[in-house]
Amino acid sequence: MHGGNLSEDKIKQLFNAILSLQTKEECMDFFDDLCTTKELNSFVQRLVVARLLREGATYMDIQIETDANSTTIARVKQQLDNGNGGFSLVLDRLAARQK
């Protein structure tokens, strides 16, 4: 985990705060307070990019659908291929809920 100047304890505090949220509405309220619209849109964009990559979409198709640049798409692809598995875990759980 890259925290810059943040200590591991402060990073864990954030994740514990997120894990304490119990409903979608609580999550929406918390992230609305925590993030700027641009930051939240970046999170959403990356998740959509990850889903599209897993579905086999081309970079061009992803750029058209999400307005993500090739650098963002490449970063997300790198995380999907060599990251900690977070994208795959979340995308698998979302797919299972839709069934």
PDB file of N, CA and C in Angstrom:
ATOM      1  N   MET A   1       0.848  -1.179   0.000  1.00  0.00           N
ATOM      2  CA  MET A   1       0.000   0.000   0.000  1.00  0.00           C
ATOM      3  C   MET A   1       0.883   1.226   0.000  1.00  0.00           C
ATOM      4  N   HIS A   2       0.604   2.117  -0.904  1.00  0.00           N
ATOM      5  CA  HIS A   2       1.370   3.356  -0.989  1.00  0.00           C
ATOM      6  C   HIS A   2       0.601   4.446  -0.270  1.00  0.00           C
ATOM      7  N   GLY A   3       1.195   5.011   0.777  1.00  0.00           N
ATOM      8  CA  GLY A   3       0.496   6.015   1.538  1.00  0.00           C
ATOM      9  C   GLY A   3       1.148   7.370   1.524  1.00  0.00           C
ATOM     10  N   GLY A   4       2.272   7.506   0.817  1.00  0.00           N
ATOM     11  CA  GLY A   4       2.952   8.796   0.834  1.00  0.00           C
ATOM     12  C   GLY A   4       3.372   9.135   2.248  1.00  0.00           C
ATOM     13  N   ASN A   5       2.871  10.245   2.764  1.00  0.00           N
ATOM     14  CA  ASN A   5       3.203  10.660   4.123  1.00  0.00           C
ATOM     15  C   ASN A   5       2.287  10.045   5.173  1.00  0.00           C
ATOM     16  N   LEU A   6       1.319   9.259   4.761  1.00  0.00           N
ATOM     17  CA  LEU A   6       0.377   8.685   5.708  1.00  0.00           C
ATOM     18  C   LEU A   6       0.940   7.415   6.330  1.00  0.00           C
ATOM     19  N   SER A   7       0.733   7.291   7.622  1.00  0.00           N
ATOM     20  CA  SER A   7       1.184   6.084   8.306  1.00  0.00           C
ATOM     21  C   SER A   7       0.234   4.934   8.004  1.00  0.00           C
ATOM     22  N   GLU A   8       0.724   3.744   8.188  1.00  0.00           N
ATOM     23  CA  GLU A   8      -0.092   2.539   7.992  1.00  0.00           C
ATOM     24  C   GLU A   8      -1.325   2.591   8.891  1.00  0.00           C
ATOM     25  N   ASP A   9      -1.184   3.093  10.111  1.00  0.00           N
ATOM     26  CA  ASP A   9      -2.323   3.190  11.032  1.00  0.00           C
ATOM     27  C   ASP A   9      -3.405   4.116  10.496  1.00  0.00           C
ATOM     28  N   LYS A  10      -3.016   5.224   9.899  1.00  0.00           N
ATOM     29  CA  LYS A  10      -4.000   6.166   9.350  1.00  0.00           C
ATOM     30  C   LYS A  10      -4.699   5.569   8.131  1.00  0.00           C
ATOM     31  N   ILE A  11      -3.972   4.836   7.340  1.00  0.00           N
ATOM     32  CA  ILE A  11      -4.576   4.169   6.187  1.00  0.00           C
ATOM     33  C   ILE A  11      -5.570   3.114   6.665  1.00  0.00           C
ATOM     34  N   LYS A  12      -5.182   2.345   7.669  1.00  0.00           N
ATOM     35  CA  LYS A  12      -6.087   1.331   8.232  1.00  0.00           C
ATOM     36  C   LYS A  12      -7.328   1.980   8.829  1.00  0.00           C
ATOM     37  N   GLN A  13      -7.173   3.164   9.415  1.00  0.00           N
ATOM     38  CA  GLN A  13      -8.324   3.873   9.972  1.00  0.00           C
ATOM     39  C   GLN A  13      -9.346   4.175   8.878  1.00  0.00           C
ATOM     40  N   LEU A  14      -8.869   4.604   7.720  1.00  0.00           N
ATOM     41  CA  LEU A  14      -9.770   4.868   6.604  1.00  0.00           C
ATOM     42  C   LEU A  14     -10.497   3.595   6.190  1.00  0.00           C
ATOM     43  N   PHE A  15      -9.769   2.510   6.031  1.00  0.00           N
ATOM     44  CA  PHE A  15     -10.400   1.266   5.603  1.00  0.00           C
ATOM     45  C   PHE A  15     -11.358   0.732   6.666  1.00  0.00           C
ATOM     46  N   ASN A  16     -11.017   0.897   7.929  1.00  0.00           N
ATOM     47  CA  ASN A  16     -11.947   0.509   8.998  1.00  0.00           C
ATOM     48  C   ASN A  16     -13.210   1.357   8.950  1.00  0.00           C
ATOM     49  N   ALA A  17     -13.059   2.636   8.631  1.00  0.00           N
ATOM     50  CA  ALA A  17     -14.229   3.507   8.484  1.00  0.00           C
ATOM     51  C   ALA A  17     -15.112   3.008   7.345  1.00  0.00           C
ATOM     52  N   ILE A  18     -14.506   2.653   6.229  1.00  0.00           N
ATOM     53  CA  ILE A  18     -15.274   2.146   5.088  1.00  0.00           C
ATOM     54  C   ILE A  18     -15.981   0.842   5.462  1.00  0.00           C
ATOM     55  N   LEU A  19     -15.272  -0.035   6.144  1.00  0.00           N
ATOM     56  CA  LEU A  19     -15.873  -1.310   6.541  1.00  0.00           C
ATOM     57  C   LEU A  19     -16.995  -1.142   7.566  1.00  0.00           C
ATOM     58  N   SER A  20     -17.027  -0.011   8.247  1.00  0.00           N
ATOM     59  CA  SER A  20     -18.085   0.216   9.235  1.00  0.00           C
ATOM     60  C   SER A  20     -19.409   0.616   8.590  1.00  0.00           C
ATOM     61  N   LEU A  21     -19.371   1.003   7.326  1.00  0.00           N
ATOM     62  CA  LEU A  21     -20.591   1.413   6.629  1.00  0.00           C
ATOM     63  C   LEU A  21     -21.483   0.200   6.400  1.00  0.00           C
ATOM     64  N   GLN A  22     -22.776   0.380   6.625  1.00  0.00           N
ATOM     65  CA  GLN A  22     -23.664  -0.773   6.604  1.00  0.00           C
ATOM     66  C   GLN A  22     -24.651  -0.801   5.448  1.00  0.00           C
ATOM     67  N   THR A  23     -24.875   0.319   4.805  1.00  0.00           N
ATOM     68  CA  THR A  23     -25.838   0.350   3.708  1.00  0.00           C
ATOM     69  C   THR A  23     -25.241   1.097   2.519  1.00  0.00           C
ATOM     70  N   LYS A  24     -25.861   0.905   1.375  1.00  0.00           N
ATOM     71  CA  LYS A  24     -25.431   1.628   0.181  1.00  0.00           C
ATOM     72  C   LYS A  24     -25.586   3.135   0.404  1.00  0.00           C
ATOM     73  N   GLU A  25     -26.654   3.537   1.093  1.00  0.00           N
ATOM     74  CA  GLU A  25     -26.879   4.957   1.360  1.00  0.00           C
ATOM     75  C   GLU A  25     -25.770   5.529   2.243  1.00  0.00           C
ATOM     76  N   GLU A  26     -25.353   4.774   3.269  1.00  0.00           N
ATOM     77  CA  GLU A  26     -24.244   5.223   4.117  1.00  0.00           C
ATOM     78  C   GLU A  26     -22.971   5.371   3.294  1.00  0.00           C
ATOM     79  N   CYS A  27     -22.723   4.418   2.404  1.00  0.00           N
ATOM     80  CA  CYS A  27     -21.536   4.495   1.541  1.00  0.00           C
ATOM     81  C   CYS A  27     -21.600   5.733   0.660  1.00  0.00           C
ATOM     82  N   MET A  28     -22.753   5.969   0.079  1.00  0.00           N
ATOM     83  CA  MET A  28     -22.904   7.119  -0.807  1.00  0.00           C
ATOM     84  C   MET A  28     -22.682   8.417  -0.033  1.00  0.00           C
ATOM     85  N   ASP A  29     -23.259   8.510   1.160  1.00  0.00           N
ATOM     86  CA  ASP A  29     -23.093   9.723   1.969  1.00  0.00           C
ATOM     87  C   ASP A  29     -21.635   9.923   2.365  1.00  0.00           C
ATOM     88  N   PHE A  30     -20.982   8.858   2.800  1.00  0.00           N
ATOM     89  CA  PHE A  30     -19.587   8.949   3.239  1.00  0.00           C
ATOM     90  C   PHE A  30     -18.675   9.368   2.088  1.00  0.00           C
ATOM     91  N   PHE A  31     -18.813   8.682   0.948  1.00  0.00           N
ATOM     92  CA  PHE A  31     -17.932   9.005  -0.178  1.00  0.00           C
ATOM     93  C   PHE A  31     -18.250  10.373  -0.773  1.00  0.00           C
ATOM     94  N   ASP A  32     -19.500  10.793  -0.685  1.00  0.00           N
ATOM     95  CA  ASP A  32     -19.854  12.139  -1.132  1.00  0.00           C
ATOM     96  C   ASP A  32     -19.176  13.183  -0.254  1.00  0.00           C
ATOM     97  N   ASP A  33     -19.101  12.911   1.049  1.00  0.00           N
ATOM     98  CA  ASP A  33     -18.409  13.818   1.966  1.00  0.00           C
ATOM     99  C   ASP A  33     -16.890  13.740   1.801  1.00  0.00           C
ATOM    100  N   LEU A  34     -16.383  12.547   1.561  1.00  0.00           N
ATOM    101  CA  LEU A  34     -14.941  12.306   1.519  1.00  0.00           C
ATOM    102  C   LEU A  34     -14.288  12.775   0.226  1.00  0.00           C
ATOM    103  N   CYS A  35     -14.945  12.564  -0.896  1.00  0.00           N
ATOM    104  CA  CYS A  35     -14.325  12.752  -2.209  1.00  0.00           C
ATOM    105  C   CYS A  35     -14.924  13.936  -2.950  1.00  0.00           C
ATOM    106  N   THR A  36     -14.102  14.523  -3.797  1.00  0.00           N
ATOM    107  CA  THR A  36     -14.634  15.489  -4.752  1.00  0.00           C
ATOM    108  C   THR A  36     -15.367  14.703  -5.842  1.00  0.00           C
ATOM    109  N   THR A  37     -16.174  15.392  -6.604  1.00  0.00           N
ATOM    110  CA  THR A  37     -16.867  14.746  -7.715  1.00  0.00           C
ATOM    111  C   THR A  37     -15.860  14.142  -8.687  1.00  0.00           C
ATOM    112  N   LYS A  38     -14.771  14.856  -8.942  1.00  0.00           N
ATOM    113  CA  LYS A  38     -13.738  14.362  -9.861  1.00  0.00           C
ATOM    114  C   LYS A  38     -13.097  13.076  -9.324  1.00  0.00           C
ATOM    115  N   GLU A  39     -12.792  13.029  -8.030  1.00  0.00           N
ATOM    116  CA  GLU A  39     -12.198  11.830  -7.440  1.00  0.00           C
ATOM    117  C   GLU A  39     -13.157  10.642  -7.535  1.00  0.00           C
ATOM    118  N   LEU A  40     -14.401  10.874  -7.198  1.00  0.00           N
ATOM    119  CA  LEU A  40     -15.388   9.803  -7.255  1.00  0.00           C
ATOM    120  C   LEU A  40     -15.574   9.318  -8.689  1.00  0.00           C
ATOM    121  N   ASN A  41     -15.620  10.246  -9.635  1.00  0.00           N
ATOM    122  CA  ASN A  41     -15.728   9.858 -11.043  1.00  0.00           C
ATOM    123  C   ASN A  41     -14.529   9.034 -11.491  1.00  0.00           C
ATOM    124  N   SER A  42     -13.346   9.341 -10.977  1.00  0.00           N
ATOM    125  CA  SER A  42     -12.148   8.558 -11.308  1.00  0.00           C
ATOM    126  C   SER A  42     -12.265   7.131 -10.789  1.00  0.00           C
ATOM    127  N   PHE A  43     -12.781   6.968  -9.576  1.00  0.00           N
ATOM    128  CA  PHE A  43     -12.983   5.623  -9.019  1.00  0.00           C
ATOM    129  C   PHE A  43     -13.960   4.839  -9.893  1.00  0.00           C
ATOM    130  N   VAL A  44     -15.071   5.482 -10.237  1.00  0.00           N
ATOM    131  CA  VAL A  44     -16.092   4.835 -11.059  1.00  0.00           C
ATOM    132  C   VAL A  44     -15.505   4.463 -12.412  1.00  0.00           C
ATOM    133  N   GLN A  45     -14.786   5.388 -13.024  1.00  0.00           N
ATOM    134  CA  GLN A  45     -14.201   5.142 -14.334  1.00  0.00           C
ATOM    135  C   GLN A  45     -13.259   3.937 -14.287  1.00  0.00           C
ATOM    136  N   ARG A  46     -12.402   3.864 -13.284  1.00  0.00           N
ATOM    137  CA  ARG A  46     -11.445   2.749 -13.189  1.00  0.00           C
ATOM    138  C   ARG A  46     -12.154   1.415 -13.028  1.00  0.00           C
ATOM    139  N   LEU A  47     -13.226   1.398 -12.238  1.00  0.00           N
ATOM    140  CA  LEU A  47     -13.969   0.152 -12.058  1.00  0.00           C
ATOM    141  C   LEU A  47     -14.625  -0.277 -13.364  1.00  0.00           C
ATOM    142  N   VAL A  48     -15.196   0.652 -14.100  1.00  0.00           N
ATOM    143  CA  VAL A  48     -15.807   0.333 -15.392  1.00  0.00           C
ATOM    144  C   VAL A  48     -14.732  -0.133 -16.375  1.00  0.00           C
ATOM    145  N   VAL A  49     -13.597   0.527 -16.389  1.00  0.00           N
ATOM    146  CA  VAL A  49     -12.487   0.108 -17.251  1.00  0.00           C
ATOM    147  C   VAL A  49     -12.077  -1.320 -16.922  1.00  0.00           C
ATOM    148  N   ALA A  50     -11.955  -1.641 -15.650  1.00  0.00           N
ATOM    149  CA  ALA A  50     -11.574  -2.998 -15.248  1.00  0.00           C
ATOM    150  C   ALA A  50     -12.602  -4.017 -15.733  1.00  0.00           C
ATOM    151  N   ARG A  51     -13.877  -3.696 -15.568  1.00  0.00           N
ATOM    152  CA  ARG A  51     -14.924  -4.609 -16.034  1.00  0.00           C
ATOM    153  C   ARG A  51     -14.838  -4.820 -17.544  1.00  0.00           C
ATOM    154  N   LEU A  52     -14.674  -3.737 -18.285  1.00  0.00           N
ATOM    155  CA  LEU A  52     -14.595  -3.837 -19.737  1.00  0.00           C
ATOM    156  C   LEU A  52     -13.365  -4.611 -20.195  1.00  0.00           C
ATOM    157  N   LEU A  53     -12.242  -4.396 -19.528  1.00  0.00           N
ATOM    158  CA  LEU A  53     -11.035  -5.166 -19.854  1.00  0.00           C
ATOM    159  C   LEU A  53     -11.273  -6.658 -19.644  1.00  0.00           C
ATOM    160  N   ARG A  54     -11.897  -6.999 -18.537  1.00  0.00           N
ATOM    161  CA  ARG A  54     -12.171  -8.422 -18.269  1.00  0.00           C
ATOM    162  C   ARG A  54     -13.134  -9.013 -19.284  1.00  0.00           C
ATOM    163  N   GLU A  55     -14.008  -8.162 -19.821  1.00  0.00           N
ATOM    164  CA  GLU A  55     -14.959  -8.627 -20.838  1.00  0.00           C
ATOM    165  C   GLU A  55     -14.320  -8.705 -22.222  1.00  0.00           C
ATOM    166  N   GLY A  56     -13.054  -8.270 -22.337  1.00  0.00           N
ATOM    167  CA  GLY A  56     -12.342  -8.370 -23.604  1.00  0.00           C
ATOM    168  C   GLY A  56     -12.475  -7.169 -24.520  1.00  0.00           C
ATOM    169  N   ALA A  57     -12.974  -6.062 -24.006  1.00  0.00           N
ATOM    170  CA  ALA A  57     -13.119  -4.860 -24.833  1.00  0.00           C
ATOM    171  C   ALA A  57     -11.748  -4.329 -25.243  1.00  0.00           C
ATOM    172  N   THR A  58     -11.702  -3.706 -26.396  1.00  0.00           N
ATOM    173  CA  THR A  58     -10.456  -3.097 -26.865  1.00  0.00           C
ATOM    174  C   THR A  58     -10.237  -1.762 -26.160  1.00  0.00           C
ATOM    175  N   TYR A  59      -9.001  -1.297 -26.178  1.00  0.00           N
ATOM    176  CA  TYR A  59      -8.699   0.013 -25.599  1.00  0.00           C
ATOM    177  C   TYR A  59      -9.555   1.092 -26.249  1.00  0.00           C
ATOM    178  N   MET A  60      -9.725   1.020 -27.567  1.00  0.00           N
ATOM    179  CA  MET A  60     -10.514   2.025 -28.282  1.00  0.00           C
ATOM    180  C   MET A  60     -11.962   2.015 -27.799  1.00  0.00           C
ATOM    181  N   ASP A  61     -12.547   0.823 -27.684  1.00  0.00           N
ATOM    182  CA  ASP A  61     -13.924   0.722 -27.189  1.00  0.00           C
ATOM    183  C   ASP A  61     -14.040   1.275 -25.771  1.00  0.00           C
ATOM    184  N   ILE A  62     -13.046   0.983 -24.933  1.00  0.00           N
ATOM    185  CA  ILE A  62     -13.057   1.464 -23.554  1.00  0.00           C
ATOM    186  C   ILE A  62     -12.939   2.982 -23.521  1.00  0.00           C
ATOM    187  N   GLN A  63     -12.057   3.532 -24.360  1.00  0.00           N
ATOM    188  CA  GLN A  63     -11.913   4.988 -24.418  1.00  0.00           C
ATOM    189  C   GLN A  63     -13.221   5.647 -24.827  1.00  0.00           C
ATOM    190  N   ILE A  64     -13.907   5.063 -25.795  1.00  0.00           N
ATOM    191  CA  ILE A  64     -15.172   5.625 -26.274  1.00  0.00           C
ATOM    192  C   ILE A  64     -16.234   5.551 -25.175  1.00  0.00           C
ATOM    193  N   GLU A  65     -16.333   4.409 -24.503  1.00  0.00           N
ATOM    194  CA  GLU A  65     -17.382   4.226 -23.498  1.00  0.00           C
ATOM    195  C   GLU A  65     -17.128   5.006 -22.213  1.00  0.00           C
ATOM    196  N   THR A  66     -15.854   5.110 -21.798  1.00  0.00           N
ATOM    197  CA  THR A  66     -15.565   5.678 -20.475  1.00  0.00           C
ATOM    198  C   THR A  66     -14.881   7.032 -20.509  1.00  0.00           C
ATOM    199  N   ASP A  67     -14.371   7.428 -21.658  1.00  0.00           N
ATOM    200  CA  ASP A  67     -13.574   8.645 -21.796  1.00  0.00           C
ATOM    201  C   ASP A  67     -12.239   8.549 -21.050  1.00  0.00           C
ATOM    202  N   ALA A  68     -11.840   7.326 -20.697  1.00  0.00           N
ATOM    203  CA  ALA A  68     -10.549   7.112 -20.039  1.00  0.00           C
ATOM    204  C   ALA A  68      -9.447   7.217 -21.080  1.00  0.00           C
ATOM    205  N   ASN A  69      -8.302   7.760 -20.668  1.00  0.00           N
ATOM    206  CA  ASN A  69      -7.183   7.822 -21.603  1.00  0.00           C
ATOM    207  C   ASN A  69      -6.421   6.500 -21.572  1.00  0.00           C
ATOM    208  N   SER A  70      -5.543   6.326 -22.540  1.00  0.00           N
ATOM    209  CA  SER A  70      -4.832   5.047 -22.665  1.00  0.00           C
ATOM    210  C   SER A  70      -3.949   4.764 -21.456  1.00  0.00           C
ATOM    211  N   THR A  71      -3.431   5.802 -20.805  1.00  0.00           N
ATOM    212  CA  THR A  71      -2.601   5.604 -19.612  1.00  0.00           C
ATOM    213  C   THR A  71      -3.421   5.010 -18.470  1.00  0.00           C
ATOM    214  N   THR A  72      -4.618   5.527 -18.277  1.00  0.00           N
ATOM    215  CA  THR A  72      -5.494   4.994 -17.229  1.00  0.00           C
ATOM    216  C   THR A  72      -5.860   3.551 -17.532  1.00  0.00           C
ATOM    217  N   ILE A  73      -6.201   3.280 -18.777  1.00  0.00           N
ATOM    218  CA  ILE A  73      -6.567   1.913 -19.156  1.00  0.00           C
ATOM    219  C   ILE A  73      -5.382   0.971 -18.934  1.00  0.00           C
ATOM    220  N   ALA A  74      -4.196   1.401 -19.315  1.00  0.00           N
ATOM    221  CA  ALA A  74      -2.998   0.569 -19.131  1.00  0.00           C
ATOM    222  C   ALA A  74      -2.717   0.324 -17.649  1.00  0.00           C
ATOM    223  N   ARG A  75      -2.910   1.357 -16.817  1.00  0.00           N
ATOM    224  CA  ARG A  75      -2.701   1.190 -15.365  1.00  0.00           C
ATOM    225  C   ARG A  75      -3.680   0.184 -14.785  1.00  0.00           C
ATOM    226  N   VAL A  76      -4.936   0.298 -15.179  1.00  0.00           N
ATOM    227  CA  VAL A  76      -5.940  -0.641 -14.677  1.00  0.00           C
ATOM    228  C   VAL A  76      -5.613  -2.051 -15.161  1.00  0.00           C
ATOM    229  N   LYS A  77      -5.204  -2.185 -16.418  1.00  0.00           N
ATOM    230  CA  LYS A  77      -4.822  -3.504 -16.947  1.00  0.00           C
ATOM    231  C   LYS A  77      -3.660  -4.079 -16.157  1.00  0.00           C
ATOM    232  N   GLN A  78      -2.680  -3.255 -15.838  1.00  0.00           N
ATOM    233  CA  GLN A  78      -1.533  -3.695 -15.034  1.00  0.00           C
ATOM    234  C   GLN A  78      -2.001  -4.221 -13.677  1.00  0.00           C
ATOM    235  N   GLN A  79      -2.926  -3.511 -13.057  1.00  0.00           N
ATOM    236  CA  GLN A  79      -3.441  -3.946 -11.752  1.00  0.00           C
ATOM    237  C   GLN A  79      -4.243  -5.232 -11.885  1.00  0.00           C
ATOM    238  N   LEU A  80      -5.022  -5.345 -12.949  1.00  0.00           N
ATOM    239  CA  LEU A  80      -5.765  -6.593 -13.166  1.00  0.00           C
ATOM    240  C   LEU A  80      -4.818  -7.770 -13.345  1.00  0.00           C
ATOM    241  N   ASP A  81      -3.746  -7.560 -14.088  1.00  0.00           N
ATOM    242  CA  ASP A  81      -2.811  -8.642 -14.400  1.00  0.00           C
ATOM    243  C   ASP A  81      -1.834  -8.943 -13.269  1.00  0.00           C
ATOM    244  N   ASN A  82      -1.391  -7.906 -12.552  1.00  0.00           N
ATOM    245  CA  ASN A  82      -0.301  -8.089 -11.592  1.00  0.00           C
ATOM    246  C   ASN A  82      -0.553  -7.461 -10.219  1.00  0.00           C
ATOM    247  N   GLY A  83      -1.745  -6.978  -9.985  1.00  0.00           N
ATOM    248  CA  GLY A  83      -2.032  -6.317  -8.711  1.00  0.00           C
ATOM    249  C   GLY A  83      -2.357  -7.302  -7.610  1.00  0.00           C
ATOM    250  N   ASN A  84      -3.060  -6.828  -6.615  1.00  0.00           N
ATOM    251  CA  ASN A  84      -3.407  -7.634  -5.441  1.00  0.00           C
ATOM    252  C   ASN A  84      -4.692  -8.424  -5.603  1.00  0.00           C
ATOM    253  N   GLY A  85      -5.341  -8.305  -6.759  1.00  0.00           N
ATOM    254  CA  GLY A  85      -6.578  -9.056  -7.003  1.00  0.00           C
ATOM    255  C   GLY A  85      -7.837  -8.333  -6.558  1.00  0.00           C
ATOM    256  N   GLY A  86      -7.700  -7.089  -6.137  1.00  0.00           N
ATOM    257  CA  GLY A  86      -8.855  -6.350  -5.650  1.00  0.00           C
ATOM    258  C   GLY A  86      -9.921  -6.121  -6.703  1.00  0.00           C
ATOM    259  N   PHE A  87      -9.504  -5.729  -7.906  1.00  0.00           N
ATOM    260  CA  PHE A  87     -10.476  -5.528  -8.982  1.00  0.00           C
ATOM    261  C   PHE A  87     -11.227  -6.828  -9.269  1.00  0.00           C
ATOM    262  N   SER A  88     -10.494  -7.912  -9.401  1.00  0.00           N
ATOM    263  CA  SER A  88     -11.125  -9.192  -9.733  1.00  0.00           C
ATOM    264  C   SER A  88     -12.088  -9.631  -8.641  1.00  0.00           C
ATOM    265  N   LEU A  89     -11.697  -9.458  -7.392  1.00  0.00           N
ATOM    266  CA  LEU A  89     -12.557  -9.832  -6.275  1.00  0.00           C
ATOM    267  C   LEU A  89     -13.879  -9.073  -6.342  1.00  0.00           C
ATOM    268  N   VAL A  90     -13.794  -7.769  -6.497  1.00  0.00           N
ATOM    269  CA  VAL A  90     -14.997  -6.938  -6.532  1.00  0.00           C
ATOM    270  C   VAL A  90     -15.836  -7.247  -7.766  1.00  0.00           C
ATOM    271  N   LEU A  91     -15.205  -7.368  -8.921  1.00  0.00           N
ATOM    272  CA  LEU A  91     -15.951  -7.636 -10.137  1.00  0.00           C
ATOM    273  C   LEU A  91     -16.635  -9.012 -10.078  1.00  0.00           C
ATOM    274  N   ASP A  92     -15.980 -10.013  -9.505  1.00  0.00           N
ATOM    275  CA  ASP A  92     -16.595 -11.335  -9.336  1.00  0.00           C
ATOM    276  C   ASP A  92     -17.803 -11.244  -8.416  1.00  0.00           C
ATOM    277  N   ARG A  93     -17.681 -10.504  -7.333  1.00  0.00           N
ATOM    278  CA  ARG A  93     -18.798 -10.365  -6.395  1.00  0.00           C
ATOM    279  C   ARG A  93     -19.964  -9.597  -7.009  1.00  0.00           C
ATOM    280  N   LEU A  94     -19.656  -8.555  -7.770  1.00  0.00           N
ATOM    281  CA  LEU A  94     -20.728  -7.819  -8.447  1.00  0.00           C
ATOM    282  C   LEU A  94     -21.437  -8.693  -9.460  1.00  0.00           C
ATOM    283  N   ALA A  95     -20.685  -9.483 -10.216  1.00  0.00           N
ATOM    284  CA  ALA A  95     -21.271 -10.378 -11.219  1.00  0.00           C
ATOM    285  C   ALA A  95     -22.158 -11.422 -10.534  1.00  0.00           C
ATOM    286  N   ALA A  96     -21.715 -11.942  -9.398  1.00  0.00           N
ATOM    287  CA  ALA A  96     -22.498 -12.960  -8.675  1.00  0.00           C
ATOM    288  C   ALA A  96     -23.810 -12.365  -8.161  1.00  0.00           C
ATOM    289  N   ARG A  97     -23.804 -11.115  -7.765  1.00  0.00           N
ATOM    290  CA  ARG A  97     -25.026 -10.460  -7.280  1.00  0.00           C
ATOM    291  C   ARG A  97     -26.038 -10.235  -8.391  1.00  0.00           C
ATOM    292  N   GLN A  98     -25.544 -10.079  -9.615  1.00  0.00           N
ATOM    293  CA  GLN A  98     -26.428  -9.802 -10.748  1.00  0.00           C
ATOM    294  C   GLN A  98     -27.113 -11.063 -11.263  1.00  0.00           C
ATOM    295  N   LYS A  99     -26.649 -12.209 -10.835  1.00  0.00           N
ATOM    296  CA  LYS A  99     -27.235 -13.483 -11.311  1.00  0.00           C
ATOM    297  C   LYS A  99     -28.475 -13.825 -10.543  1.00  0.00           C
TER     298      LYS A  99
END
